[in-house]
Amino acid sequence: RTEVATTLLDPLELTLPGYVCMRALSL
């Protein structure tokens, strides 16, 4: 969580639940 949030998601102003939601919707 820390690795993904701080290096990838935070700069895009995207939360981890937001990313998981998008991943789930893709599936």
PDB file of all heavy atoms in Angstrom:
ATOM      1  N   ARG A   1       0.838  -1.214   0.000  1.00  0.00           N
ATOM      2  CA  ARG A   1       0.000   0.000   0.000  1.00  0.00           C
ATOM      3  C   ARG A   1       0.863   1.250   0.000  1.00  0.00           C
ATOM      4  O   ARG A   1       0.635   2.178  -0.781  1.00  0.00           O
ATOM      5  CB  ARG A   1      -0.916   0.031   1.230  1.00  0.00           C
ATOM      6  CG  ARG A   1      -2.266  -0.575   1.039  1.00  0.00           C
ATOM      7  CD  ARG A   1      -3.203  -0.258   2.206  1.00  0.00           C
ATOM      8  NE  ARG A   1      -2.664  -0.621   3.511  1.00  0.00           N
ATOM      9  CZ  ARG A   1      -2.762  -1.813   4.067  1.00  0.00           C
ATOM     10  NH1 ARG A   1      -3.378  -2.782   3.439  1.00  0.00           N
ATOM     11  NH2 ARG A   1      -2.252  -2.046   5.247  1.00  0.00           N
ATOM     12  N   THR A   2       1.852   1.276   0.881  1.00  0.00           N
ATOM     13  CA  THR A   2       2.722   2.447   0.973  1.00  0.00           C
ATOM     14  C   THR A   2       3.481   2.670  -0.326  1.00  0.00           C
ATOM     15  O   THR A   2       3.543   3.796  -0.826  1.00  0.00           O
ATOM     16  CB  THR A   2       3.708   2.281   2.150  1.00  0.00           C
ATOM     17  OG1 THR A   2       2.954   2.151   3.349  1.00  0.00           O
ATOM     18  CG2 THR A   2       4.644   3.462   2.258  1.00  0.00           C
ATOM     19  N   GLU A   3       4.049   1.617  -0.871  1.00  0.00           N
ATOM     20  CA  GLU A   3       4.825   1.723  -2.111  1.00  0.00           C
ATOM     21  C   GLU A   3       3.954   2.222  -3.267  1.00  0.00           C
ATOM     22  O   GLU A   3       4.349   3.128  -4.001  1.00  0.00           O
ATOM     23  CB  GLU A   3       5.433   0.363  -2.451  1.00  0.00           C
ATOM     24  CG  GLU A   3       6.322   0.361  -3.650  1.00  0.00           C
ATOM     25  CD  GLU A   3       7.653   1.068  -3.463  1.00  0.00           C
ATOM     26  OE1 GLU A   3       8.123   1.180  -2.316  1.00  0.00           O
ATOM     27  OE2 GLU A   3       8.222   1.509  -4.471  1.00  0.00           O
ATOM     28  N   VAL A   4       2.778   1.656  -3.416  1.00  0.00           N
ATOM     29  CA  VAL A   4       1.894   2.037  -4.525  1.00  0.00           C
ATOM     30  C   VAL A   4       1.334   3.440  -4.315  1.00  0.00           C
ATOM     31  O   VAL A   4       1.334   4.263  -5.237  1.00  0.00           O
ATOM     32  CB  VAL A   4       0.761   1.000  -4.699  1.00  0.00           C
ATOM     33  CG1 VAL A   4      -0.294   1.502  -5.663  1.00  0.00           C
ATOM     34  CG2 VAL A   4       1.329  -0.324  -5.188  1.00  0.00           C
ATOM     35  N   ALA A   5       0.883   3.724  -3.106  1.00  0.00           N
ATOM     36  CA  ALA A   5       0.256   5.024  -2.856  1.00  0.00           C
ATOM     37  C   ALA A   5       1.259   6.163  -3.001  1.00  0.00           C
ATOM     38  O   ALA A   5       0.992   7.140  -3.705  1.00  0.00           O
ATOM     39  CB  ALA A   5      -0.381   5.043  -1.475  1.00  0.00           C
ATOM     40  N   THR A   6       2.401   6.050  -2.348  1.00  0.00           N
ATOM     41  CA  THR A   6       3.327   7.188  -2.344  1.00  0.00           C
ATOM     42  C   THR A   6       4.016   7.395  -3.685  1.00  0.00           C
ATOM     43  O   THR A   6       4.234   8.525  -4.096  1.00  0.00           O
ATOM     44  CB  THR A   6       4.388   7.045  -1.236  1.00  0.00           C
ATOM     45  OG1 THR A   6       5.104   5.835  -1.415  1.00  0.00           O
ATOM     46  CG2 THR A   6       3.761   7.084   0.137  1.00  0.00           C
ATOM     47  N   THR A   7       4.362   6.326  -4.372  1.00  0.00           N
ATOM     48  CA  THR A   7       5.115   6.493  -5.617  1.00  0.00           C
ATOM     49  C   THR A   7       4.231   6.664  -6.844  1.00  0.00           C
ATOM     50  O   THR A   7       4.642   7.300  -7.809  1.00  0.00           O
ATOM     51  CB  THR A   7       6.079   5.311  -5.862  1.00  0.00           C
ATOM     52  OG1 THR A   7       5.326   4.117  -6.002  1.00  0.00           O
ATOM     53  CG2 THR A   7       7.084   5.180  -4.747  1.00  0.00           C
ATOM     54  N   LEU A   8       3.021   6.127  -6.817  1.00  0.00           N
ATOM     55  CA  LEU A   8       2.198   6.138  -8.023  1.00  0.00           C
ATOM     56  C   LEU A   8       0.896   6.932  -7.896  1.00  0.00           C
ATOM     57  O   LEU A   8       0.576   7.748  -8.753  1.00  0.00           O
ATOM     58  CB  LEU A   8       1.842   4.705  -8.428  1.00  0.00           C
ATOM     59  CG  LEU A   8       2.989   3.765  -8.694  1.00  0.00           C
ATOM     60  CD1 LEU A   8       2.477   2.364  -8.933  1.00  0.00           C
ATOM     61  CD2 LEU A   8       3.794   4.250  -9.872  1.00  0.00           C
ATOM     62  N   LEU A   9       0.148   6.638  -6.864  1.00  0.00           N
ATOM     63  CA  LEU A   9      -1.205   7.176  -6.785  1.00  0.00           C
ATOM     64  C   LEU A   9      -1.274   8.605  -6.262  1.00  0.00           C
ATOM     65  O   LEU A   9      -2.031   9.420  -6.794  1.00  0.00           O
ATOM     66  CB  LEU A   9      -2.082   6.253  -5.929  1.00  0.00           C
ATOM     67  CG  LEU A   9      -2.170   4.806  -6.415  1.00  0.00           C
ATOM     68  CD1 LEU A   9      -3.077   4.000  -5.501  1.00  0.00           C
ATOM     69  CD2 LEU A   9      -2.647   4.729  -7.857  1.00  0.00           C
ATOM     70  N   ASP A  10      -0.508   8.903  -5.226  1.00  0.00           N
ATOM     71  CA  ASP A  10      -0.552  10.251  -4.657  1.00  0.00           C
ATOM     72  C   ASP A  10      -0.290  11.336  -5.702  1.00  0.00           C
ATOM     73  O   ASP A  10      -1.030  12.319  -5.758  1.00  0.00           O
ATOM     74  CB  ASP A  10       0.423  10.395  -3.487  1.00  0.00           C
ATOM     75  CG  ASP A  10      -0.024   9.640  -2.242  1.00  0.00           C
ATOM     76  OD1 ASP A  10      -1.168   9.121  -2.234  1.00  0.00           O
ATOM     77  OD2 ASP A  10       0.769   9.557  -1.288  1.00  0.00           O
ATOM     78  N   PRO A  11       0.739  11.186  -6.549  1.00  0.00           N
ATOM     79  CA  PRO A  11       0.972  12.230  -7.556  1.00  0.00           C
ATOM     80  C   PRO A  11      -0.198  12.402  -8.537  1.00  0.00           C
ATOM     81  O   PRO A  11      -0.375  13.482  -9.103  1.00  0.00           O
ATOM     82  CB  PRO A  11       2.220  11.747  -8.300  1.00  0.00           C
ATOM     83  CG  PRO A  11       2.901  10.825  -7.348  1.00  0.00           C
ATOM     84  CD  PRO A  11       1.799  10.180  -6.554  1.00  0.00           C
ATOM     85  N   LEU A  12      -0.995  11.354  -8.716  1.00  0.00           N
ATOM     86  CA  LEU A  12      -2.152  11.428  -9.613  1.00  0.00           C
ATOM     87  C   LEU A  12      -3.433  11.816  -8.871  1.00  0.00           C
ATOM     88  O   LEU A  12      -4.505  11.847  -9.472  1.00  0.00           O
ATOM     89  CB  LEU A  12      -2.366  10.070 -10.300  1.00  0.00           C
ATOM     90  CG  LEU A  12      -1.249   9.608 -11.214  1.00  0.00           C
ATOM     91  CD1 LEU A  12      -1.520   8.187 -11.695  1.00  0.00           C
ATOM     92  CD2 LEU A  12      -1.090  10.557 -12.391  1.00  0.00           C
ATOM     93  N   GLU A  13      -3.282  12.062  -7.566  1.00  0.00           N
ATOM     94  CA  GLU A  13      -4.428  12.372  -6.708  1.00  0.00           C
ATOM     95  C   GLU A  13      -5.487  11.271  -6.803  1.00  0.00           C
ATOM     96  O   GLU A  13      -6.686  11.531  -6.902  1.00  0.00           O
ATOM     97  CB  GLU A  13      -5.009  13.748  -7.034  1.00  0.00           C
ATOM     98  CG  GLU A  13      -4.028  14.871  -6.774  1.00  0.00           C
ATOM     99  CD  GLU A  13      -4.585  16.244  -7.080  1.00  0.00           C
ATOM    100  OE1 GLU A  13      -5.759  16.356  -7.463  1.00  0.00           O
ATOM    101  OE2 GLU A  13      -3.810  17.204  -6.941  1.00  0.00           O
ATOM    102  N   LEU A  14      -5.006  10.041  -6.756  1.00  0.00           N
ATOM    103  CA  LEU A  14      -5.858   8.867  -6.796  1.00  0.00           C
ATOM    104  C   LEU A  14      -5.610   8.069  -5.523  1.00  0.00           C
ATOM    105  O   LEU A  14      -4.464   7.905  -5.108  1.00  0.00           O
ATOM    106  CB  LEU A  14      -5.523   8.016  -8.029  1.00  0.00           C
ATOM    107  CG  LEU A  14      -6.414   6.822  -8.350  1.00  0.00           C
ATOM    108  CD1 LEU A  14      -7.820   7.282  -8.705  1.00  0.00           C
ATOM    109  CD2 LEU A  14      -5.823   6.040  -9.516  1.00  0.00           C
ATOM    110  N   THR A  15      -6.670   7.592  -4.895  1.00  0.00           N
ATOM    111  CA  THR A  15      -6.527   6.799  -3.674  1.00  0.00           C
ATOM    112  C   THR A  15      -6.379   5.324  -4.023  1.00  0.00           C
ATOM    113  O   THR A  15      -6.741   4.896  -5.129  1.00  0.00           O
ATOM    114  CB  THR A  15      -7.755   6.966  -2.769  1.00  0.00           C
ATOM    115  OG1 THR A  15      -8.912   6.432  -3.451  1.00  0.00           O
ATOM    116  CG2 THR A  15      -7.983   8.426  -2.398  1.00  0.00           C
ATOM    117  N   LEU A  16      -5.882   4.549  -3.064  1.00  0.00           N
ATOM    118  CA  LEU A  16      -5.787   3.110  -3.289  1.00  0.00           C
ATOM    119  C   LEU A  16      -7.169   2.492  -3.499  1.00  0.00           C
ATOM    120  O   LEU A  16      -7.341   1.698  -4.435  1.00  0.00           O
ATOM    121  CB  LEU A  16      -5.030   2.425  -2.150  1.00  0.00           C
ATOM    122  CG  LEU A  16      -4.729   0.949  -2.383  1.00  0.00           C
ATOM    123  CD1 LEU A  16      -3.890   0.740  -3.644  1.00  0.00           C
ATOM    124  CD2 LEU A  16      -4.005   0.364  -1.183  1.00  0.00           C
ATOM    125  N   PRO A  17      -8.203   2.850  -2.700  1.00  0.00           N
ATOM    126  CA  PRO A  17      -9.535   2.320  -3.009  1.00  0.00           C
ATOM    127  C   PRO A  17     -10.018   2.729  -4.401  1.00  0.00           C
ATOM    128  O   PRO A  17     -10.710   1.967  -5.069  1.00  0.00           O
ATOM    129  CB  PRO A  17     -10.416   2.909  -1.911  1.00  0.00           C
ATOM    130  CG  PRO A  17      -9.493   3.137  -0.768  1.00  0.00           C
ATOM    131  CD  PRO A  17      -8.192   3.553  -1.412  1.00  0.00           C
ATOM    132  N   GLY A  18      -9.614   3.906  -4.859  1.00  0.00           N
ATOM    133  CA  GLY A  18      -9.981   4.333  -6.212  1.00  0.00           C
ATOM    134  C   GLY A  18      -9.336   3.457  -7.262  1.00  0.00           C
ATOM    135  O   GLY A  18      -9.975   3.037  -8.235  1.00  0.00           O
ATOM    136  N   TYR A  19      -8.054   3.145  -7.068  1.00  0.00           N
ATOM    137  CA  TYR A  19      -7.365   2.258  -7.999  1.00  0.00           C
ATOM    138  C   TYR A  19      -7.981   0.863  -7.971  1.00  0.00           C
ATOM    139  O   TYR A  19      -8.235   0.270  -9.020  1.00  0.00           O
ATOM    140  CB  TYR A  19      -5.867   2.179  -7.662  1.00  0.00           C
ATOM    141  CG  TYR A  19      -5.158   1.114  -8.463  1.00  0.00           C
ATOM    142  CD1 TYR A  19      -4.843   1.325  -9.803  1.00  0.00           C
ATOM    143  CD2 TYR A  19      -4.848  -0.117  -7.898  1.00  0.00           C
ATOM    144  CE1 TYR A  19      -4.214   0.338 -10.548  1.00  0.00           C
ATOM    145  CE2 TYR A  19      -4.221  -1.110  -8.635  1.00  0.00           C
ATOM    146  CZ  TYR A  19      -3.909  -0.879  -9.956  1.00  0.00           C
ATOM    147  OH  TYR A  19      -3.308  -1.859 -10.699  1.00  0.00           O
ATOM    148  N   VAL A  20      -8.249   0.342  -6.775  1.00  0.00           N
ATOM    149  CA  VAL A  20      -8.853  -0.993  -6.654  1.00  0.00           C
ATOM    150  C   VAL A  20     -10.231  -1.005  -7.319  1.00  0.00           C
ATOM    151  O   VAL A  20     -10.590  -1.968  -8.000  1.00  0.00           O
ATOM    152  CB  VAL A  20      -8.931  -1.433  -5.175  1.00  0.00           C
ATOM    153  CG1 VAL A  20      -9.723  -2.722  -5.024  1.00  0.00           C
ATOM    154  CG2 VAL A  20      -7.538  -1.595  -4.601  1.00  0.00           C
ATOM    155  N   CYS A  21     -10.985   0.065  -7.157  1.00  0.00           N
ATOM    156  CA  CYS A  21     -12.301   0.175  -7.799  1.00  0.00           C
ATOM    157  C   CYS A  21     -12.150   0.105  -9.321  1.00  0.00           C
ATOM    158  O   CYS A  21     -12.869  -0.642  -9.986  1.00  0.00           O
ATOM    159  CB  CYS A  21     -12.961   1.485  -7.376  1.00  0.00           C
ATOM    160  SG  CYS A  21     -14.524   1.838  -8.202  1.00  0.00           S
ATOM    161  N   MET A  22     -11.209   0.865  -9.848  1.00  0.00           N
ATOM    162  CA  MET A  22     -10.997   0.852 -11.300  1.00  0.00           C
ATOM    163  C   MET A  22     -10.550  -0.523 -11.772  1.00  0.00           C
ATOM    164  O   MET A  22     -11.004  -1.020 -12.806  1.00  0.00           O
ATOM    165  CB  MET A  22      -9.983   1.930 -11.681  1.00  0.00           C
ATOM    166  CG  MET A  22     -10.509   3.345 -11.469  1.00  0.00           C
ATOM    167  SD  MET A  22      -9.255   4.615 -11.676  1.00  0.00           S
ATOM    168  CE  MET A  22      -8.737   4.354 -13.364  1.00  0.00           C
ATOM    169  N   ARG A  23      -9.644  -1.168 -11.032  1.00  0.00           N
ATOM    170  CA  ARG A  23      -9.161  -2.502 -11.391  1.00  0.00           C
ATOM    171  C   ARG A  23     -10.334  -3.483 -11.388  1.00  0.00           C
ATOM    172  O   ARG A  23     -10.489  -4.293 -12.290  1.00  0.00           O
ATOM    173  CB  ARG A  23      -8.068  -2.921 -10.381  1.00  0.00           C
ATOM    174  CG  ARG A  23      -7.685  -4.353 -10.358  1.00  0.00           C
ATOM    175  CD  ARG A  23      -6.788  -4.933 -11.436  1.00  0.00           C
ATOM    176  NE  ARG A  23      -6.173  -4.108 -12.405  1.00  0.00           N
ATOM    177  CZ  ARG A  23      -6.436  -4.174 -13.726  1.00  0.00           C
ATOM    178  NH1 ARG A  23      -7.320  -5.022 -14.198  1.00  0.00           N
ATOM    179  NH2 ARG A  23      -5.804  -3.420 -14.574  1.00  0.00           N
ATOM    180  N   ALA A  24     -11.193  -3.399 -10.340  1.00  0.00           N
ATOM    181  CA  ALA A  24     -12.353  -4.290 -10.247  1.00  0.00           C
ATOM    182  C   ALA A  24     -13.312  -4.051 -11.409  1.00  0.00           C
ATOM    183  O   ALA A  24     -13.855  -5.009 -11.976  1.00  0.00           O
ATOM    184  CB  ALA A  24     -13.065  -4.093  -8.903  1.00  0.00           C
ATOM    185  N   LEU A  25     -13.515  -2.799 -11.778  1.00  0.00           N
ATOM    186  CA  LEU A  25     -14.419  -2.499 -12.895  1.00  0.00           C
ATOM    187  C   LEU A  25     -13.854  -2.989 -14.231  1.00  0.00           C
ATOM    188  O   LEU A  25     -14.608  -3.329 -15.133  1.00  0.00           O
ATOM    189  CB  LEU A  25     -14.719  -1.005 -12.963  1.00  0.00           C
ATOM    190  CG  LEU A  25     -15.642  -0.485 -11.883  1.00  0.00           C
ATOM    191  CD1 LEU A  25     -15.742   1.038 -11.945  1.00  0.00           C
ATOM    192  CD2 LEU A  25     -17.024  -1.119 -12.003  1.00  0.00           C
ATOM    193  N   SER A  26     -12.537  -3.030 -14.339  1.00  0.00           N
ATOM    194  CA  SER A  26     -11.949  -3.550 -15.581  1.00  0.00           C
ATOM    195  C   SER A  26     -12.208  -5.050 -15.709  1.00  0.00           C
ATOM    196  O   SER A  26     -12.298  -5.579 -16.813  1.00  0.00           O
ATOM    197  CB  SER A  26     -10.448  -3.254 -15.634  1.00  0.00           C
ATOM    198  OG  SER A  26      -9.727  -4.105 -14.767  1.00  0.00           O
ATOM    199  N   LEU A  27     -12.309  -5.725 -14.567  1.00  0.00           N
ATOM    200  CA  LEU A  27     -12.561  -7.166 -14.564  1.00  0.00           C
ATOM    201  C   LEU A  27     -14.048  -7.500 -14.572  1.00  0.00           C
ATOM    202  O   LEU A  27     -14.439  -8.566 -15.057  1.00  0.00           O
ATOM    203  CB  LEU A  27     -11.902  -7.805 -13.334  1.00  0.00           C
ATOM    204  CG  LEU A  27     -10.382  -7.651 -13.244  1.00  0.00           C
ATOM    205  CD1 LEU A  27      -9.877  -8.134 -11.893  1.00  0.00           C
ATOM    206  CD2 LEU A  27      -9.712  -8.382 -14.385  1.00  0.00           C
TER     207      LEU A  27
END
